[in-house]
């Protein structure tokens, strides 16, 4: 996978991180679930980029 495709995957995962983080905070009212959600997205994005 070339560098432009890797950056595209990271941008594609960055949008759910921003929007989803706000939704998770609105649902739970705490930053702990947001942190768990963000770490999960980080692992998923890392798995895509490492291929």
PDB file of N, CA and C in Angstrom:
ATOM      1  N   UNK A   1       0.861  -1.173   0.000  1.00  0.00           N
ATOM      2  CA  UNK A   1       0.000   0.000   0.000  1.00  0.00           C
ATOM      3  C   UNK A   1       0.905   1.233   0.000  1.00  0.00           C
ATOM      4  N   UNK A   2       0.654   2.153  -0.917  1.00  0.00           N
ATOM      5  CA  UNK A   2       1.481   3.342  -1.000  1.00  0.00           C
ATOM      6  C   UNK A   2       1.071   4.382   0.042  1.00  0.00           C
ATOM      7  N   UNK A   3       1.887   5.412   0.165  1.00  0.00           N
ATOM      8  CA  UNK A   3       1.706   6.401   1.229  1.00  0.00           C
ATOM      9  C   UNK A   3       0.401   7.183   1.064  1.00  0.00           C
ATOM     10  N   UNK A   4      -0.005   7.478  -0.167  1.00  0.00           N
ATOM     11  CA  UNK A   4      -1.237   8.247  -0.339  1.00  0.00           C
ATOM     12  C   UNK A   4      -2.454   7.430   0.088  1.00  0.00           C
ATOM     13  N   UNK A   5      -2.413   6.129  -0.160  1.00  0.00           N
ATOM     14  CA  UNK A   5      -3.533   5.286   0.273  1.00  0.00           C
ATOM     15  C   UNK A   5      -3.565   5.174   1.797  1.00  0.00           C
ATOM     16  N   UNK A   6      -2.407   5.071   2.427  1.00  0.00           N
ATOM     17  CA  UNK A   6      -2.351   5.019   3.894  1.00  0.00           C
ATOM     18  C   UNK A   6      -2.902   6.307   4.502  1.00  0.00           C
ATOM     19  N   UNK A   7      -2.539   7.438   3.931  1.00  0.00           N
ATOM     20  CA  UNK A   7      -3.061   8.716   4.436  1.00  0.00           C
ATOM     21  C   UNK A   7      -4.565   8.819   4.223  1.00  0.00           C
ATOM     22  N   UNK A   8      -5.055   8.293   3.121  1.00  0.00           N
ATOM     23  CA  UNK A   8      -6.489   8.280   2.871  1.00  0.00           C
ATOM     24  C   UNK A   8      -7.242   7.463   3.902  1.00  0.00           C
ATOM     25  N   UNK A   9      -6.674   6.312   4.282  1.00  0.00           N
ATOM     26  CA  UNK A   9      -7.301   5.476   5.307  1.00  0.00           C
ATOM     27  C   UNK A   9      -7.321   6.212   6.642  1.00  0.00           C
ATOM     28  N   UNK A  10      -6.241   6.904   6.972  1.00  0.00           N
ATOM     29  CA  UNK A  10      -6.202   7.644   8.235  1.00  0.00           C
ATOM     30  C   UNK A  10      -7.216   8.790   8.249  1.00  0.00           C
ATOM     31  N   UNK A  11      -7.394   9.477   7.121  1.00  0.00           N
ATOM     32  CA  UNK A  11      -8.410  10.529   7.042  1.00  0.00           C
ATOM     33  C   UNK A  11      -9.800   9.918   7.156  1.00  0.00           C
ATOM     34  N   UNK A  12      -9.999   8.779   6.477  1.00  0.00           N
ATOM     35  CA  UNK A  12     -11.291   8.090   6.522  1.00  0.00           C
ATOM     36  C   UNK A  12     -11.633   7.663   7.949  1.00  0.00           C
ATOM     37  N   UNK A  13     -10.631   7.310   8.752  1.00  0.00           N
ATOM     38  CA  UNK A  13     -10.871   6.938  10.153  1.00  0.00           C
ATOM     39  C   UNK A  13     -10.891   8.159  11.066  1.00  0.00           C
ATOM     40  N   UNK A  14     -10.354   9.278  10.607  1.00  0.00           N
ATOM     41  CA  UNK A  14     -10.335  10.487  11.430  1.00  0.00           C
ATOM     42  C   UNK A  14     -11.702  11.139  11.559  1.00  0.00           C
ATOM     43  N   UNK A  15     -12.490  11.060  10.520  1.00  0.00           N
ATOM     44  CA  UNK A  15     -13.831  11.655  10.559  1.00  0.00           C
ATOM     45  C   UNK A  15     -14.712  10.953  11.595  1.00  0.00           C
ATOM     46  N   UNK A  16     -14.768   9.602  11.613  1.00  0.00           N
ATOM     47  CA  UNK A  16     -15.550   8.956  12.677  1.00  0.00           C
ATOM     48  C   UNK A  16     -15.002   9.232  14.076  1.00  0.00           C
ATOM     49  N   UNK A  17     -13.704   9.480  14.171  1.00  0.00           N
ATOM     50  CA  UNK A  17     -13.134   9.790  15.483  1.00  0.00           C
ATOM     51  C   UNK A  17     -13.679  11.109  16.007  1.00  0.00           C
ATOM     52  N   UNK A  18     -13.784  12.093  15.152  1.00  0.00           N
ATOM     53  CA  UNK A  18     -14.266  13.406  15.585  1.00  0.00           C
ATOM     54  C   UNK A  18     -15.777  13.386  15.819  1.00  0.00           C
ATOM     55  N   UNK A  19     -16.517  12.924  14.829  1.00  0.00           N
ATOM     56  CA  UNK A  19     -17.975  12.909  14.921  1.00  0.00           C
ATOM     57  C   UNK A  19     -18.431  11.884  15.963  1.00  0.00           C
ATOM     58  N   UNK A  20     -17.858  10.687  15.896  1.00  0.00           N
ATOM     59  CA  UNK A  20     -18.241   9.622  16.828  1.00  0.00           C
ATOM     60  C   UNK A  20     -17.884   9.946  18.258  1.00  0.00           C
ATOM     61  N   UNK A  21     -16.759  10.636  18.452  1.00  0.00           N
ATOM     62  CA  UNK A  21     -16.379  11.032  19.808  1.00  0.00           C
ATOM     63  C   UNK A  21     -17.409  11.952  20.441  1.00  0.00           C
ATOM     64  N   UNK A  22     -17.942  12.864  19.642  1.00  0.00           N
ATOM     65  CA  UNK A  22     -18.988  13.749  20.140  1.00  0.00           C
ATOM     66  C   UNK A  22     -20.282  13.012  20.445  1.00  0.00           C
ATOM     67  N   UNK A  23     -20.601  12.044  19.604  1.00  0.00           N
ATOM     68  CA  UNK A  23     -21.819  11.260  19.837  1.00  0.00           C
ATOM     69  C   UNK A  23     -21.673  10.401  21.092  1.00  0.00           C
ATOM     70  N   UNK A  24     -20.515   9.773  21.245  1.00  0.00           N
ATOM     71  CA  UNK A  24     -20.290   8.939  22.435  1.00  0.00           C
ATOM     72  C   UNK A  24     -20.337   9.792  23.695  1.00  0.00           C
ATOM     73  N   UNK A  25     -19.753  10.992  23.648  1.00  0.00           N
ATOM     74  CA  UNK A  25     -19.813  11.869  24.822  1.00  0.00           C
ATOM     75  C   UNK A  25     -21.246  12.289  25.128  1.00  0.00           C
ATOM     76  N   UNK A  26     -22.020  12.560  24.087  1.00  0.00           N
ATOM     77  CA  UNK A  26     -23.415  12.959  24.301  1.00  0.00           C
ATOM     78  C   UNK A  26     -24.234  11.820  24.906  1.00  0.00           C
ATOM     79  N   UNK A  27     -23.935  10.598  24.512  1.00  0.00           N
ATOM     80  CA  UNK A  27     -24.673   9.451  25.042  1.00  0.00           C
ATOM     81  C   UNK A  27     -24.303   9.123  26.484  1.00  0.00           C
ATOM     82  N   UNK A  28     -23.005   9.173  26.799  1.00  0.00           N
ATOM     83  CA  UNK A  28     -22.548   8.727  28.113  1.00  0.00           C
ATOM     84  C   UNK A  28     -22.217   9.865  29.068  1.00  0.00           C
ATOM     85  N   UNK A  29     -21.913  11.062  28.557  1.00  0.00           N
ATOM     86  CA  UNK A  29     -21.650  12.201  29.417  1.00  0.00           C
ATOM     87  C   UNK A  29     -20.326  12.140  30.160  1.00  0.00           C
ATOM     88  N   UNK A  30     -19.397  11.344  29.652  1.00  0.00           N
ATOM     89  CA  UNK A  30     -18.100  11.202  30.302  1.00  0.00           C
ATOM     90  C   UNK A  30     -17.031  11.004  29.231  1.00  0.00           C
ATOM     91  N   UNK A  31     -15.806  11.349  29.578  1.00  0.00           N
ATOM     92  CA  UNK A  31     -14.724  11.194  28.613  1.00  0.00           C
ATOM     93  C   UNK A  31     -14.114   9.800  28.610  1.00  0.00           C
ATOM     94  N   UNK A  32     -14.397   8.976  29.594  1.00  0.00           N
ATOM     95  CA  UNK A  32     -13.844   7.625  29.630  1.00  0.00           C
ATOM     96  C   UNK A  32     -14.355   6.778  28.461  1.00  0.00           C
ATOM     97  N   UNK A  33     -15.663   6.738  28.177  1.00  0.00           N
ATOM     98  CA  UNK A  33     -16.109   5.991  26.990  1.00  0.00           C
ATOM     99  C   UNK A  33     -15.571   6.580  25.687  1.00  0.00           C
ATOM    100  N   UNK A  34     -15.382   7.882  25.641  1.00  0.00           N
ATOM    101  CA  UNK A  34     -14.806   8.503  24.450  1.00  0.00           C
ATOM    102  C   UNK A  34     -13.379   8.014  24.249  1.00  0.00           C
ATOM    103  N   UNK A  35     -12.629   7.926  25.326  1.00  0.00           N
ATOM    104  CA  UNK A  35     -11.252   7.438  25.245  1.00  0.00           C
ATOM    105  C   UNK A  35     -11.217   5.989  24.765  1.00  0.00           C
ATOM    106  N   UNK A  36     -12.113   5.165  25.266  1.00  0.00           N
ATOM    107  CA  UNK A  36     -12.187   3.768  24.832  1.00  0.00           C
ATOM    108  C   UNK A  36     -12.525   3.704  23.342  1.00  0.00           C
ATOM    109  N   UNK A  37     -13.472   4.502  22.901  1.00  0.00           N
ATOM    110  CA  UNK A  37     -13.866   4.551  21.495  1.00  0.00           C
ATOM    111  C   UNK A  37     -12.701   4.996  20.610  1.00  0.00           C
ATOM    112  N   UNK A  38     -11.981   6.017  21.046  1.00  0.00           N
ATOM    113  CA  UNK A  38     -10.857   6.538  20.265  1.00  0.00           C
ATOM    114  C   UNK A  38      -9.727   5.516  20.179  1.00  0.00           C
ATOM    115  N   UNK A  39      -9.447   4.814  21.270  1.00  0.00           N
ATOM    116  CA  UNK A  39      -8.399   3.784  21.252  1.00  0.00           C
ATOM    117  C   UNK A  39      -8.801   2.649  20.323  1.00  0.00           C
ATOM    118  N   UNK A  40     -10.071   2.260  20.349  1.00  0.00           N
ATOM    119  CA  UNK A  40     -10.548   1.219  19.440  1.00  0.00           C
ATOM    120  C   UNK A  40     -10.362   1.650  17.986  1.00  0.00           C
ATOM    121  N   UNK A  41     -10.727   2.885  17.656  1.00  0.00           N
ATOM    122  CA  UNK A  41     -10.541   3.382  16.297  1.00  0.00           C
ATOM    123  C   UNK A  41      -9.064   3.449  15.926  1.00  0.00           C
ATOM    124  N   UNK A  42      -8.227   3.776  16.868  1.00  0.00           N
ATOM    125  CA  UNK A  42      -6.792   3.822  16.610  1.00  0.00           C
ATOM    126  C   UNK A  42      -6.260   2.444  16.241  1.00  0.00           C
ATOM    127  N   UNK A  43      -6.702   1.418  16.948  1.00  0.00           N
ATOM    128  CA  UNK A  43      -6.276   0.058  16.630  1.00  0.00           C
ATOM    129  C   UNK A  43      -6.785  -0.380  15.259  1.00  0.00           C
ATOM    130  N   UNK A  44      -8.019  -0.033  14.935  1.00  0.00           N
ATOM    131  CA  UNK A  44      -8.577  -0.401  13.628  1.00  0.00           C
ATOM    132  C   UNK A  44      -7.815   0.320  12.510  1.00  0.00           C
ATOM    133  N   UNK A  45      -7.553   1.603  12.680  1.00  0.00           N
ATOM    134  CA  UNK A  45      -6.807   2.357  11.666  1.00  0.00           C
ATOM    135  C   UNK A  45      -5.373   1.825  11.544  1.00  0.00           C
ATOM    136  N   UNK A  46      -4.769   1.473  12.659  1.00  0.00           N
ATOM    137  CA  UNK A  46      -3.421   0.896  12.622  1.00  0.00           C
ATOM    138  C   UNK A  46      -3.391  -0.436  11.902  1.00  0.00           C
ATOM    139  N   UNK A  47      -4.438  -1.229  12.059  1.00  0.00           N
ATOM    140  CA  UNK A  47      -4.506  -2.502  11.355  1.00  0.00           C
ATOM    141  C   UNK A  47      -4.609  -2.298   9.849  1.00  0.00           C
ATOM    142  N   UNK A  48      -5.399  -1.301   9.426  1.00  0.00           N
ATOM    143  CA  UNK A  48      -5.518  -1.022   7.990  1.00  0.00           C
ATOM    144  C   UNK A  48      -4.218  -0.487   7.416  1.00  0.00           C
ATOM    145  N   UNK A  49      -3.561   0.392   8.151  1.00  0.00           N
ATOM    146  CA  UNK A  49      -2.342   1.017   7.653  1.00  0.00           C
ATOM    147  C   UNK A  49      -1.183   0.027   7.616  1.00  0.00           C
ATOM    148  N   UNK A  50      -1.154  -0.898   8.546  1.00  0.00           N
ATOM    149  CA  UNK A  50      -0.034  -1.840   8.614  1.00  0.00           C
ATOM    150  C   UNK A  50      -0.062  -2.893   7.519  1.00  0.00           C
ATOM    151  N   UNK A  51      -1.192  -3.035   6.836  1.00  0.00           N
ATOM    152  CA  UNK A  51      -1.269  -4.030   5.748  1.00  0.00           C
ATOM    153  C   UNK A  51      -0.429  -3.643   4.564  1.00  0.00           C
TER     154      UNK A  51
END
